[in-house]
PDB file of N, CA and C in Angstrom:
ATOM      1  N   MET A   1     201.702  38.375 190.615  1.00  0.00           N
ATOM      2  CA  MET A   1     202.819  39.168 190.158  1.00  0.00           C
ATOM      3  C   MET A   1     204.055  38.286 190.001  1.00  0.00           C
ATOM      4  N   ASN A   2     204.311  37.366 190.943  1.00  0.00           N
ATOM      5  CA  ASN A   2     205.466  36.480 190.840  1.00  0.00           C
ATOM      6  C   ASN A   2     205.352  35.573 189.632  1.00  0.00           C
ATOM      7  N   PHE A   3     204.126  35.144 189.291  1.00  0.00           N
ATOM      8  CA  PHE A   3     203.935  34.305 188.116  1.00  0.00           C
ATOM      9  C   PHE A   3     204.317  35.079 186.860  1.00  0.00           C
ATOM     10  N   GLN A   4     203.993  36.362 186.809  1.00  0.00           N
ATOM     11  CA  GLN A   4     204.339  37.189 185.657  1.00  0.00           C
ATOM     12  C   GLN A   4     205.856  37.309 185.520  1.00  0.00           C
ATOM     13  N   LYS A   5     206.545  37.486 186.645  1.00  0.00           N
ATOM     14  CA  LYS A   5     208.008  37.569 186.595  1.00  0.00           C
ATOM     15  C   LYS A   5     208.608  36.253 186.144  1.00  0.00           C
ATOM     16  N   LEU A   6     208.074  35.142 186.640  1.00  0.00           N
ATOM     17  CA  LEU A   6     208.563  33.826 186.251  1.00  0.00           C
ATOM     18  C   LEU A   6     208.340  33.599 184.767  1.00  0.00           C
ATOM     19  N   LEU A   7     207.194  33.977 184.280  1.00  0.00           N
ATOM     20  CA  LEU A   7     206.872  33.844 182.861  1.00  0.00           C
ATOM     21  C   LEU A   7     207.804  34.707 182.012  1.00  0.00           C
ATOM     22  N   ALA A   8     208.074  35.916 182.451  1.00  0.00           N
ATOM     23  CA  ALA A   8     208.989  36.813 181.723  1.00  0.00           C
ATOM     24  C   ALA A   8     210.393  36.222 181.691  1.00  0.00           C
ATOM     25  N   ALA A   9     210.859  35.680 182.800  1.00  0.00           N
ATOM     26  CA  ALA A   9     212.198  35.075 182.853  1.00  0.00           C
ATOM     27  C   ALA A   9     212.285  33.870 181.928  1.00  0.00           C
ATOM     28  N   ALA A  10     211.243  33.054 181.891  1.00  0.00           N
ATOM     29  CA  ALA A  10     211.231  31.886 181.013  1.00  0.00           C
ATOM     30  C   ALA A  10     211.261  32.305 179.551  1.00  0.00           C
ATOM     31  N   ALA A  11     210.510  33.323 179.214  1.00  0.00           N
ATOM     32  CA  ALA A  11     210.496  33.812 177.831  1.00  0.00           C
ATOM     33  C   ALA A  11     211.857  34.359 177.442  1.00  0.00           C
ATOM     34  N   ILE A  12     212.475  35.101 178.325  1.00  0.00           N
ATOM     35  CA  ILE A  12     213.801  35.663 178.052  1.00  0.00           C
ATOM     36  C   ILE A  12     214.813  34.535 177.870  1.00  0.00           C
ATOM     37  N   GLY A  13     214.790  33.569 178.763  1.00  0.00           N
ATOM     38  CA  GLY A  13     215.727  32.444 178.678  1.00  0.00           C
ATOM     39  C   GLY A  13     215.555  31.649 177.400  1.00  0.00           C
ATOM     40  N   SER A  14     214.325  31.393 177.005  1.00  0.00           N
ATOM     41  CA  SER A  14     214.056  30.640 175.781  1.00  0.00           C
ATOM     42  C   SER A  14     214.560  31.388 174.558  1.00  0.00           C
ATOM     43  N   THR A  15     214.313  32.665 174.523  1.00  0.00           N
ATOM     44  CA  THR A  15     214.758  33.471 173.382  1.00  0.00           C
ATOM     45  C   THR A  15     216.272  33.471 173.275  1.00  0.00           C
ATOM     46  N   VAL A  16     216.945  33.638 174.394  1.00  0.00           N
ATOM     47  CA  VAL A  16     218.404  33.651 174.375  1.00  0.00           C
ATOM     48  C   VAL A  16     218.950  32.295 173.944  1.00  0.00           C
ATOM     49  N   ALA A  17     218.392  31.235 174.465  1.00  0.00           N
ATOM     50  CA  ALA A  17     218.875  29.894 174.128  1.00  0.00           C
ATOM     51  C   ALA A  17     218.708  29.589 172.644  1.00  0.00           C
ATOM     52  N   PHE A  18     217.555  29.920 172.078  1.00  0.00           N
ATOM     53  CA  PHE A  18     217.305  29.628 170.669  1.00  0.00           C
ATOM     54  C   PHE A  18     218.124  30.496 169.737  1.00  0.00           C
ATOM     55  N   SER A  19     218.450  31.712 170.164  1.00  0.00           N
ATOM     56  CA  SER A  19     219.197  32.605 169.278  1.00  0.00           C
ATOM     57  C   SER A  19     220.700  32.437 169.403  1.00  0.00           C
ATOM     58  N   SER A  20     221.184  31.724 170.413  1.00  0.00           N
ATOM     59  CA  SER A  20     222.626  31.639 170.650  1.00  0.00           C
ATOM     60  C   SER A  20     223.385  31.007 169.497  1.00  0.00           C
ATOM     61  N   ILE A  21     222.900  29.926 168.956  1.00  0.00           N
ATOM     62  CA  ILE A  21     223.604  29.262 167.873  1.00  0.00           C
ATOM     63  C   ILE A  21     223.553  30.114 166.609  1.00  0.00           C
ATOM     64  N   THR A  22     222.439  30.711 166.323  1.00  0.00           N
ATOM     65  CA  THR A  22     222.310  31.556 165.145  1.00  0.00           C
ATOM     66  C   THR A  22     223.264  32.737 165.223  1.00  0.00           C
ATOM     67  N   MET A  23     223.302  33.419 166.342  1.00  0.00           N
ATOM     68  CA  MET A  23     224.160  34.588 166.483  1.00  0.00           C
ATOM     69  C   MET A  23     225.633  34.202 166.468  1.00  0.00           C
ATOM     70  N   ALA A  24     226.002  33.077 167.023  1.00  0.00           N
ATOM     71  CA  ALA A  24     227.397  32.655 167.035  1.00  0.00           C
ATOM     72  C   ALA A  24     227.890  32.364 165.635  1.00  0.00           C
ATOM     73  N   ALA A  25     227.003  32.012 164.763  1.00  0.00           N
ATOM     74  CA  ALA A  25     227.384  31.676 163.399  1.00  0.00           C
ATOM     75  C   ALA A  25     227.534  32.905 162.512  1.00  0.00           C
ATOM     76  N   SER A  26     227.134  34.077 162.989  1.00  0.00           N
ATOM     77  CA  SER A  26     227.297  35.263 162.155  1.00  0.00           C
ATOM     78  C   SER A  26     228.778  35.495 161.914  1.00  0.00           C
ATOM     79  N   THR A  27     229.112  35.979 160.739  1.00  0.00           N
ATOM     80  CA  THR A  27     230.520  36.057 160.360  1.00  0.00           C
ATOM     81  C   THR A  27     230.953  37.477 160.085  1.00  0.00           C
ATOM     82  N   THR A  28     232.271  37.660 160.093  1.00  0.00           N
ATOM     83  CA  THR A  28     232.860  38.931 159.718  1.00  0.00           C
ATOM     84  C   THR A  28     233.149  38.891 158.230  1.00  0.00           C
ATOM     85  N   THR A  29     233.790  39.925 157.711  1.00  0.00           N
ATOM     86  CA  THR A  29     234.084  39.956 156.277  1.00  0.00           C
ATOM     87  C   THR A  29     235.085  38.886 155.879  1.00  0.00           C
ATOM     88  N   THR A  30     235.804  38.327 156.828  1.00  0.00           N
ATOM     89  CA  THR A  30     236.770  37.266 156.515  1.00  0.00           C
ATOM     90  C   THR A  30     236.146  35.890 156.668  1.00  0.00           C
ATOM     91  N   ASN A  31     234.842  35.844 156.881  1.00  0.00           N
ATOM     92  CA  ASN A  31     234.098  34.596 157.064  1.00  0.00           C
ATOM     93  C   ASN A  31     234.532  33.794 158.282  1.00  0.00           C
ATOM     94  N   GLU A  32     235.105  34.462 159.264  1.00  0.00           N
ATOM     95  CA  GLU A  32     235.444  33.805 160.518  1.00  0.00           C
ATOM     96  C   GLU A  32     234.393  34.184 161.548  1.00  0.00           C
ATOM     97  N   PRO A  33     233.967  33.228 162.391  1.00  0.00           N
ATOM     98  CA  PRO A  33     232.959  33.555 163.400  1.00  0.00           C
ATOM     99  C   PRO A  33     233.447  34.643 164.341  1.00  0.00           C
ATOM    100  N   LYS A  34     232.542  35.521 164.755  1.00  0.00           N
ATOM    101  CA  LYS A  34     232.888  36.554 165.730  1.00  0.00           C
ATOM    102  C   LYS A  34     233.235  35.907 167.067  1.00  0.00           C
ATOM    103  N   GLN A  35     232.458  34.921 167.442  1.00  0.00           N
ATOM    104  CA  GLN A  35     232.683  34.152 168.660  1.00  0.00           C
ATOM    105  C   GLN A  35     232.392  32.703 168.322  1.00  0.00           C
ATOM    106  N   SER A  36     233.053  31.819 169.039  1.00  0.00           N
ATOM    107  CA  SER A  36     232.722  30.409 168.846  1.00  0.00           C
ATOM    108  C   SER A  36     231.348  30.154 169.440  1.00  0.00           C
ATOM    109  N   VAL A  37     230.746  29.040 169.053  1.00  0.00           N
ATOM    110  CA  VAL A  37     229.435  28.684 169.606  1.00  0.00           C
ATOM    111  C   VAL A  37     229.528  28.576 171.122  1.00  0.00           C
ATOM    112  N   GLY A  38     230.618  27.992 171.607  1.00  0.00           N
ATOM    113  CA  GLY A  38     230.791  27.848 173.059  1.00  0.00           C
ATOM    114  C   GLY A  38     230.882  29.182 173.766  1.00  0.00           C
ATOM    115  N   GLU A  39     231.652  30.123 173.177  1.00  0.00           N
ATOM    116  CA  GLU A  39     231.781  31.447 173.778  1.00  0.00           C
ATOM    117  C   GLU A  39     230.442  32.165 173.787  1.00  0.00           C
ATOM    118  N   TYR A  40     229.739  32.096 172.662  1.00  0.00           N
ATOM    119  CA  TYR A  40     228.459  32.790 172.579  1.00  0.00           C
ATOM    120  C   TYR A  40     227.444  32.167 173.519  1.00  0.00           C
ATOM    121  N   THR A  41     227.453  30.844 173.605  1.00  0.00           N
ATOM    122  CA  THR A  41     226.524  30.164 174.503  1.00  0.00           C
ATOM    123  C   THR A  41     226.803  30.551 175.945  1.00  0.00           C
ATOM    124  N   SER A  42     228.088  30.639 176.321  1.00  0.00           N
ATOM    125  CA  SER A  42     228.431  31.054 177.685  1.00  0.00           C
ATOM    126  C   SER A  42     227.915  32.455 177.962  1.00  0.00           C
ATOM    127  N   ASP A  43     228.082  33.354 176.987  1.00  0.00           N
ATOM    128  CA  ASP A  43     227.567  34.709 177.156  1.00  0.00           C
ATOM    129  C   ASP A  43     226.043  34.708 177.225  1.00  0.00           C
ATOM    130  N   ALA A  44     225.409  33.868 176.423  1.00  0.00           N
ATOM    131  CA  ALA A  44     223.944  33.786 176.441  1.00  0.00           C
ATOM    132  C   ALA A  44     223.454  33.274 177.796  1.00  0.00           C
ATOM    133  N   VAL A  45     224.139  32.293 178.341  1.00  0.00           N
ATOM    134  CA  VAL A  45     223.774  31.765 179.660  1.00  0.00           C
ATOM    135  C   VAL A  45     223.958  32.847 180.721  1.00  0.00           C
ATOM    136  N   LEU A  46     225.052  33.581 180.626  1.00  0.00           N
ATOM    137  CA  LEU A  46     225.314  34.654 181.583  1.00  0.00           C
ATOM    138  C   LEU A  46     224.241  35.741 181.477  1.00  0.00           C
ATOM    139  N   THR A  47     223.867  36.092 180.255  1.00  0.00           N
ATOM    140  CA  THR A  47     222.801  37.073 180.050  1.00  0.00           C
ATOM    141  C   THR A  47     221.509  36.594 180.705  1.00  0.00           C
ATOM    142  N   THR A  48     221.194  35.316 180.519  1.00  0.00           N
ATOM    143  CA  THR A  48     219.980  34.753 181.110  1.00  0.00           C
ATOM    144  C   THR A  48     220.037  34.807 182.630  1.00  0.00           C
ATOM    145  N   LYS A  49     221.193  34.493 183.207  1.00  0.00           N
ATOM    146  CA  LYS A  49     221.341  34.549 184.665  1.00  0.00           C
ATOM    147  C   LYS A  49     221.154  35.976 185.185  1.00  0.00           C
ATOM    148  N   VAL A  50     221.722  36.940 184.469  1.00  0.00           N
ATOM    149  CA  VAL A  50     221.586  38.337 184.882  1.00  0.00           C
ATOM    150  C   VAL A  50     220.129  38.769 184.788  1.00  0.00           C
ATOM    151  N   LYS A  51     219.463  38.423 183.681  1.00  0.00           N
ATOM    152  CA  LYS A  51     218.045  38.778 183.531  1.00  0.00           C
ATOM    153  C   LYS A  51     217.213  38.150 184.648  1.00  0.00           C
ATOM    154  N   ALA A  52     217.501  36.897 184.969  1.00  0.00           N
ATOM    155  CA  ALA A  52     216.764  36.225 186.046  1.00  0.00           C
ATOM    156  C   ALA A  52     216.990  36.927 187.382  1.00  0.00           C
ATOM    157  N   ALA A  53     218.214  37.380 187.627  1.00  0.00           N
ATOM    158  CA  ALA A  53     218.515  38.088 188.874  1.00  0.00           C
ATOM    159  C   ALA A  53     217.771  39.421 188.918  1.00  0.00           C
ATOM    160  N   ILE A  54     217.665  40.079 187.777  1.00  0.00           N
ATOM    161  CA  ILE A  54     216.923  41.344 187.722  1.00  0.00           C
ATOM    162  C   ILE A  54     215.436  41.095 187.931  1.00  0.00           C
ATOM    163  N   VAL A  55     214.916  40.041 187.317  1.00  0.00           N
ATOM    164  CA  VAL A  55     213.497  39.684 187.505  1.00  0.00           C
ATOM    165  C   VAL A  55     213.213  39.385 188.966  1.00  0.00           C
ATOM    166  N   ALA A  56     214.142  38.731 189.641  1.00  0.00           N
ATOM    167  CA  ALA A  56     213.943  38.353 191.042  1.00  0.00           C
ATOM    168  C   ALA A  56     214.002  39.555 191.984  1.00  0.00           C
ATOM    169  N   GLU A  57     214.569  40.656 191.529  1.00  0.00           N
ATOM    170  CA  GLU A  57     214.688  41.846 192.371  1.00  0.00           C
ATOM    171  C   GLU A  57     213.397  42.663 192.284  1.00  0.00           C
ATOM    172  N   LYS A  58     212.681  42.747 193.412  1.00  0.00           N
ATOM    173  CA  LYS A  58     211.352  43.372 193.408  1.00  0.00           C
ATOM    174  C   LYS A  58     211.383  44.859 193.064  1.00  0.00           C
ATOM    175  N   ASP A  59     212.512  45.525 193.235  1.00  0.00           N
ATOM    176  CA  ASP A  59     212.591  46.956 192.956  1.00  0.00           C
ATOM    177  C   ASP A  59     213.021  47.274 191.523  1.00  0.00           C
ATOM    178  N   LEU A  60     213.155  46.233 190.689  1.00  0.00           N
ATOM    179  CA  LEU A  60     213.543  46.420 189.292  1.00  0.00           C
ATOM    180  C   LEU A  60     212.539  45.754 188.368  1.00  0.00           C
ATOM    181  N   SER A  61     212.491  46.237 187.143  1.00  0.00           N
ATOM    182  CA  SER A  61     211.660  45.607 186.117  1.00  0.00           C
ATOM    183  C   SER A  61     212.570  45.159 184.980  1.00  0.00           C
ATOM    184  N   ALA A  62     212.488  43.897 184.635  1.00  0.00           N
ATOM    185  CA  ALA A  62     213.290  43.368 183.536  1.00  0.00           C
ATOM    186  C   ALA A  62     212.899  44.028 182.217  1.00  0.00           C
ATOM    187  N   LEU A  63     211.727  44.591 182.150  1.00  0.00           N
ATOM    188  CA  LEU A  63     211.293  45.287 180.942  1.00  0.00           C
ATOM    189  C   LEU A  63     212.013  46.619 180.767  1.00  0.00           C
ATOM    190  N   ASP A  64     212.553  47.170 181.856  1.00  0.00           N
ATOM    191  CA  ASP A  64     213.241  48.459 181.810  1.00  0.00           C
ATOM    192  C   ASP A  64     214.738  48.333 181.546  1.00  0.00           C
ATOM    193  N   VAL A  65     215.289  47.132 181.726  1.00  0.00           N
ATOM    194  CA  VAL A  65     216.739  46.941 181.637  1.00  0.00           C
ATOM    195  C   VAL A  65     217.058  45.905 180.572  1.00  0.00           C
ATOM    196  N   ALA A  66     217.869  46.304 179.605  1.00  0.00           N
ATOM    197  CA  ALA A  66     218.343  45.378 178.577  1.00  0.00           C
ATOM    198  C   ALA A  66     219.742  44.908 178.959  1.00  0.00           C
ATOM    199  N   VAL A  67     220.029  43.642 178.666  1.00  0.00           N
ATOM    200  CA  VAL A  67     221.301  43.041 179.043  1.00  0.00           C
ATOM    201  C   VAL A  67     221.961  42.436 177.817  1.00  0.00           C
ATOM    202  N   GLU A  68     223.215  42.793 177.598  1.00  0.00           N
ATOM    203  CA  GLU A  68     224.014  42.196 176.533  1.00  0.00           C
ATOM    204  C   GLU A  68     225.337  41.765 177.144  1.00  0.00           C
ATOM    205  N   THR A  69     225.832  40.592 176.730  1.00  0.00           N
ATOM    206  CA  THR A  69     227.069  40.075 177.282  1.00  0.00           C
ATOM    207  C   THR A  69     228.018  39.689 176.159  1.00  0.00           C
ATOM    208  N   THR A  70     229.264  40.122 176.287  1.00  0.00           N
ATOM    209  CA  THR A  70     230.311  39.743 175.349  1.00  0.00           C
ATOM    210  C   THR A  70     231.555  39.390 176.146  1.00  0.00           C
ATOM    211  N   GLU A  71     231.962  38.138 176.037  1.00  0.00           N
ATOM    212  CA  GLU A  71     233.154  37.635 176.733  1.00  0.00           C
ATOM    213  C   GLU A  71     233.124  37.933 178.224  1.00  0.00           C
ATOM    214  N   GLY A  72     231.952  37.784 178.820  1.00  0.00           N
ATOM    215  CA  GLY A  72     231.805  37.947 180.262  1.00  0.00           C
ATOM    216  C   GLY A  72     231.587  39.378 180.723  1.00  0.00           C
ATOM    217  N   VAL A  73     231.671  40.337 179.788  1.00  0.00           N
ATOM    218  CA  VAL A  73     231.426  41.743 180.123  1.00  0.00           C
ATOM    219  C   VAL A  73     229.958  42.028 179.844  1.00  0.00           C
ATOM    220  N   VAL A  74     229.236  42.428 180.878  1.00  0.00           N
ATOM    221  CA  VAL A  74     227.796  42.654 180.772  1.00  0.00           C
ATOM    222  C   VAL A  74     227.522  44.146 180.633  1.00  0.00           C
ATOM    223  N   GLN A  75     226.759  44.491 179.595  1.00  0.00           N
ATOM    224  CA  GLN A  75     226.358  45.877 179.376  1.00  0.00           C
ATOM    225  C   GLN A  75     224.870  46.009 179.672  1.00  0.00           C
ATOM    226  N   LEU A  76     224.554  46.942 180.550  1.00  0.00           N
ATOM    227  CA  LEU A  76     223.174  47.223 180.922  1.00  0.00           C
ATOM    228  C   LEU A  76     222.743  48.523 180.257  1.00  0.00           C
ATOM    229  N   THR A  77     221.592  48.499 179.601  1.00  0.00           N
ATOM    230  CA  THR A  77     221.028  49.700 179.008  1.00  0.00           C
ATOM    231  C   THR A  77     219.543  49.758 179.367  1.00  0.00           C
ATOM    232  N   GLY A  78     218.938  50.868 179.087  1.00  0.00           N
ATOM    233  CA  GLY A  78     217.526  51.036 179.375  1.00  0.00           C
ATOM    234  C   GLY A  78     217.303  52.298 180.166  1.00  0.00           C
ATOM    235  N   THR A  79     216.097  52.430 180.698  1.00  0.00           N
ATOM    236  CA  THR A  79     215.735  53.618 181.464  1.00  0.00           C
ATOM    237  C   THR A  79     214.955  53.194 182.702  1.00  0.00           C
ATOM    238  N   VAL A  80     215.369  53.731 183.842  1.00  0.00           N
ATOM    239  CA  VAL A  80     214.689  53.460 185.106  1.00  0.00           C
ATOM    240  C   VAL A  80     214.291  54.784 185.746  1.00  0.00           C
ATOM    241  N   ALA A  81     213.490  54.715 186.797  1.00  0.00           N
ATOM    242  CA  ALA A  81     212.947  55.923 187.425  1.00  0.00           C
ATOM    243  C   ALA A  81     213.936  56.639 188.337  1.00  0.00           C
ATOM    244  N   THR A  82     214.865  55.894 188.952  1.00  0.00           N
ATOM    245  CA  THR A  82     215.769  56.519 189.923  1.00  0.00           C
ATOM    246  C   THR A  82     217.206  56.043 189.740  1.00  0.00           C
ATOM    247  N   ALA A  83     218.134  56.850 190.224  1.00  0.00           N
ATOM    248  CA  ALA A  83     219.543  56.471 190.207  1.00  0.00           C
ATOM    249  C   ALA A  83     219.764  55.238 191.089  1.00  0.00           C
ATOM    250  N   ALA A  84     218.994  55.132 192.154  1.00  0.00           N
ATOM    251  CA  ALA A  84     219.116  53.964 193.037  1.00  0.00           C
ATOM    252  C   ALA A  84     218.787  52.676 192.288  1.00  0.00           C
ATOM    253  N   GLN A  85     217.797  52.720 191.397  1.00  0.00           N
ATOM    254  CA  GLN A  85     217.458  51.534 190.608  1.00  0.00           C
ATOM    255  C   GLN A  85     218.583  51.195 189.629  1.00  0.00           C
ATOM    256  N   ALA A  86     219.190  52.196 189.027  1.00  0.00           N
ATOM    257  CA  ALA A  86     220.318  51.958 188.116  1.00  0.00           C
ATOM    258  C   ALA A  86     221.479  51.323 188.874  1.00  0.00           C
ATOM    259  N   ASP A  87     221.762  51.842 190.061  1.00  0.00           N
ATOM    260  CA  ASP A  87     222.831  51.278 190.894  1.00  0.00           C
ATOM    261  C   ASP A  87     222.497  49.853 191.332  1.00  0.00           C
ATOM    262  N   LEU A  88     221.240  49.620 191.684  1.00  0.00           N
ATOM    263  CA  LEU A  88     220.810  48.287 192.094  1.00  0.00           C
ATOM    264  C   LEU A  88     220.980  47.289 190.953  1.00  0.00           C
ATOM    265  N   ALA A  89     220.614  47.684 189.751  1.00  0.00           N
ATOM    266  CA  ALA A  89     220.765  46.795 188.595  1.00  0.00           C
ATOM    267  C   ALA A  89     222.231  46.417 188.401  1.00  0.00           C
ATOM    268  N   ALA A  90     223.126  47.377 188.548  1.00  0.00           N
ATOM    269  CA  ALA A  90     224.560  47.099 188.415  1.00  0.00           C
ATOM    270  C   ALA A  90     225.044  46.182 189.525  1.00  0.00           C
ATOM    271  N   ARG A  91     224.590  46.430 190.749  1.00  0.00           N
ATOM    272  CA  ARG A  91     225.010  45.609 191.889  1.00  0.00           C
ATOM    273  C   ARG A  91     224.507  44.176 191.746  1.00  0.00           C
ATOM    274  N   VAL A  92     223.252  44.020 191.341  1.00  0.00           N
ATOM    275  CA  VAL A  92     222.687  42.681 191.135  1.00  0.00           C
ATOM    276  C   VAL A  92     223.476  41.946 190.052  1.00  0.00           C
ATOM    277  N   THR A  93     223.829  42.659 188.995  1.00  0.00           N
ATOM    278  CA  THR A  93     224.587  42.064 187.900  1.00  0.00           C
ATOM    279  C   THR A  93     225.971  41.621 188.355  1.00  0.00           C
ATOM    280  N   ARG A  94     226.660  42.480 189.123  1.00  0.00           N
ATOM    281  CA  ARG A  94     227.997  42.125 189.624  1.00  0.00           C
ATOM    282  C   ARG A  94     227.973  40.866 190.485  1.00  0.00           C
ATOM    283  N   ASP A  95     226.866  40.626 191.168  1.00  0.00           N
ATOM    284  CA  ASP A  95     226.753  39.478 192.066  1.00  0.00           C
ATOM    285  C   ASP A  95     226.525  38.158 191.329  1.00  0.00           C
ATOM    286  N   VAL A  96     226.265  38.202 190.026  1.00  0.00           N
ATOM    287  CA  VAL A  96     226.030  36.974 189.257  1.00  0.00           C
ATOM    288  C   VAL A  96     227.375  36.311 188.964  1.00  0.00           C
ATOM    289  N   ASN A  97     227.468  35.053 189.306  1.00  0.00           N
ATOM    290  CA  ASN A  97     228.705  34.301 189.096  1.00  0.00           C
ATOM    291  C   ASN A  97     229.060  34.258 187.612  1.00  0.00           C
ATOM    292  N   GLY A  98     230.297  34.636 187.284  1.00  0.00           N
ATOM    293  CA  GLY A  98     230.769  34.601 185.906  1.00  0.00           C
ATOM    294  C   GLY A  98     230.872  35.967 185.260  1.00  0.00           C
ATOM    295  N   VAL A  99     230.255  36.977 185.866  1.00  0.00           N
ATOM    296  CA  VAL A  99     230.329  38.333 185.327  1.00  0.00           C
ATOM    297  C   VAL A  99     231.722  38.879 185.608  1.00  0.00           C
ATOM    298  N   LYS A 100     232.430  39.272 184.541  1.00  0.00           N
ATOM    299  CA  LYS A 100     233.781  39.810 184.684  1.00  0.00           C
ATOM    300  C   LYS A 100     233.769  41.321 184.915  1.00  0.00           C
ATOM    301  N   GLN A 101     232.845  41.997 184.241  1.00  0.00           N
ATOM    302  CA  GLN A 101     232.774  43.453 184.332  1.00  0.00           C
ATOM    303  C   GLN A 101     231.353  43.886 184.001  1.00  0.00           C
ATOM    304  N   VAL A 102     230.941  45.028 184.565  1.00  0.00           N
ATOM    305  CA  VAL A 102     229.619  45.574 184.289  1.00  0.00           C
ATOM    306  C   VAL A 102     229.777  46.975 183.714  1.00  0.00           C
ATOM    307  N   LYS A 103     229.152  47.198 182.553  1.00  0.00           N
ATOM    308  CA  LYS A 103     229.073  48.536 181.969  1.00  0.00           C
ATOM    309  C   LYS A 103     227.637  49.000 182.163  1.00  0.00           C
ATOM    310  N   ASN A 104     227.455  49.934 183.071  1.00  0.00           N
ATOM    311  CA  ASN A 104     226.113  50.410 183.405  1.00  0.00           C
ATOM    312  C   ASN A 104     225.798  51.665 182.591  1.00  0.00           C
ATOM    313  N   LEU A 105     225.035  51.493 181.519  1.00  0.00           N
ATOM    314  CA  LEU A 105     224.639  52.611 180.657  1.00  0.00           C
ATOM    315  C   LEU A 105     223.155  52.946 180.839  1.00  0.00           C
ATOM    316  N   ILE A 106     222.591  52.520 181.960  1.00  0.00           N
ATOM    317  CA  ILE A 106     221.177  52.768 182.242  1.00  0.00           C
ATOM    318  C   ILE A 106     220.962  54.259 182.488  1.00  0.00           C
ATOM    319  N   LYS A 107     219.908  54.792 181.879  1.00  0.00           N
ATOM    320  CA  LYS A 107     219.560  56.200 182.050  1.00  0.00           C
ATOM    321  C   LYS A 107     218.452  56.330 183.086  1.00  0.00           C
ATOM    322  N   VAL A 108     218.434  57.472 183.744  1.00  0.00           N
ATOM    323  CA  VAL A 108     217.414  57.754 184.756  1.00  0.00           C
ATOM    324  C   VAL A 108     216.425  58.770 184.186  1.00  0.00           C
ATOM    325  N   ASP A 109     215.141  58.432 184.310  1.00  0.00           N
ATOM    326  CA  ASP A 109     214.062  59.321 183.867  1.00  0.00           C
ATOM    327  C   ASP A 109     213.016  59.342 184.971  1.00  0.00           C
ATOM    328  N   ALA A 110     212.991  60.428 185.713  1.00  0.00           N
ATOM    329  CA  ALA A 110     212.086  60.541 186.859  1.00  0.00           C
ATOM    330  C   ALA A 110     210.624  60.435 186.468  1.00  0.00           C
ATOM    331  N   THR A 111     210.288  60.650 185.202  1.00  0.00           N
ATOM    332  CA  THR A 111     208.889  60.540 184.786  1.00  0.00           C
ATOM    333  C   THR A 111     208.413  59.086 184.776  1.00  0.00           C
ATOM    334  N   LYS A 112     209.354  58.146 184.896  1.00  0.00           N
ATOM    335  CA  LYS A 112     208.982  56.731 184.949  1.00  0.00           C
ATOM    336  C   LYS A 112     208.536  56.310 186.340  1.00  0.00           C
ATOM    337  N   ALA A 113     208.680  57.174 187.325  1.00  0.00           N
ATOM    338  CA  ALA A 113     208.295  56.855 188.704  1.00  0.00           C
ATOM    339  C   ALA A 113     206.816  56.536 188.753  1.00  0.00           C
ATOM    340  N   LYS A 114     206.467  55.534 189.545  1.00  0.00           N
ATOM    341  CA  LYS A 114     205.079  55.060 189.650  1.00  0.00           C
ATOM    342  C   LYS A 114     204.282  55.893 190.597  1.00  0.00           C
TER     343      LYS A 114
END
């Protein structure tokens, strides 16, 4: 089970790293970058750290929680089985160094209980 979590974290990290430069280059209608490469990379690194922290938490599934970061503000979305899991995801995220704010939009669906 730990190998599966490690593999999931590596896949998430690789995807974020490879997409960071591409996403930073996306432009607005004025052809100015939305974020600099450095800003986007910092957010991508922060997203990876948060995902890794969620993977490391045995009571959470990284497959249930999506993480997006913009300028240090982390938004959590997805669906978990209990309110305690939603709260845990927010608490784990707040504990990651560099997180400025957490927006917890995780929904609770009791039918997801194992």
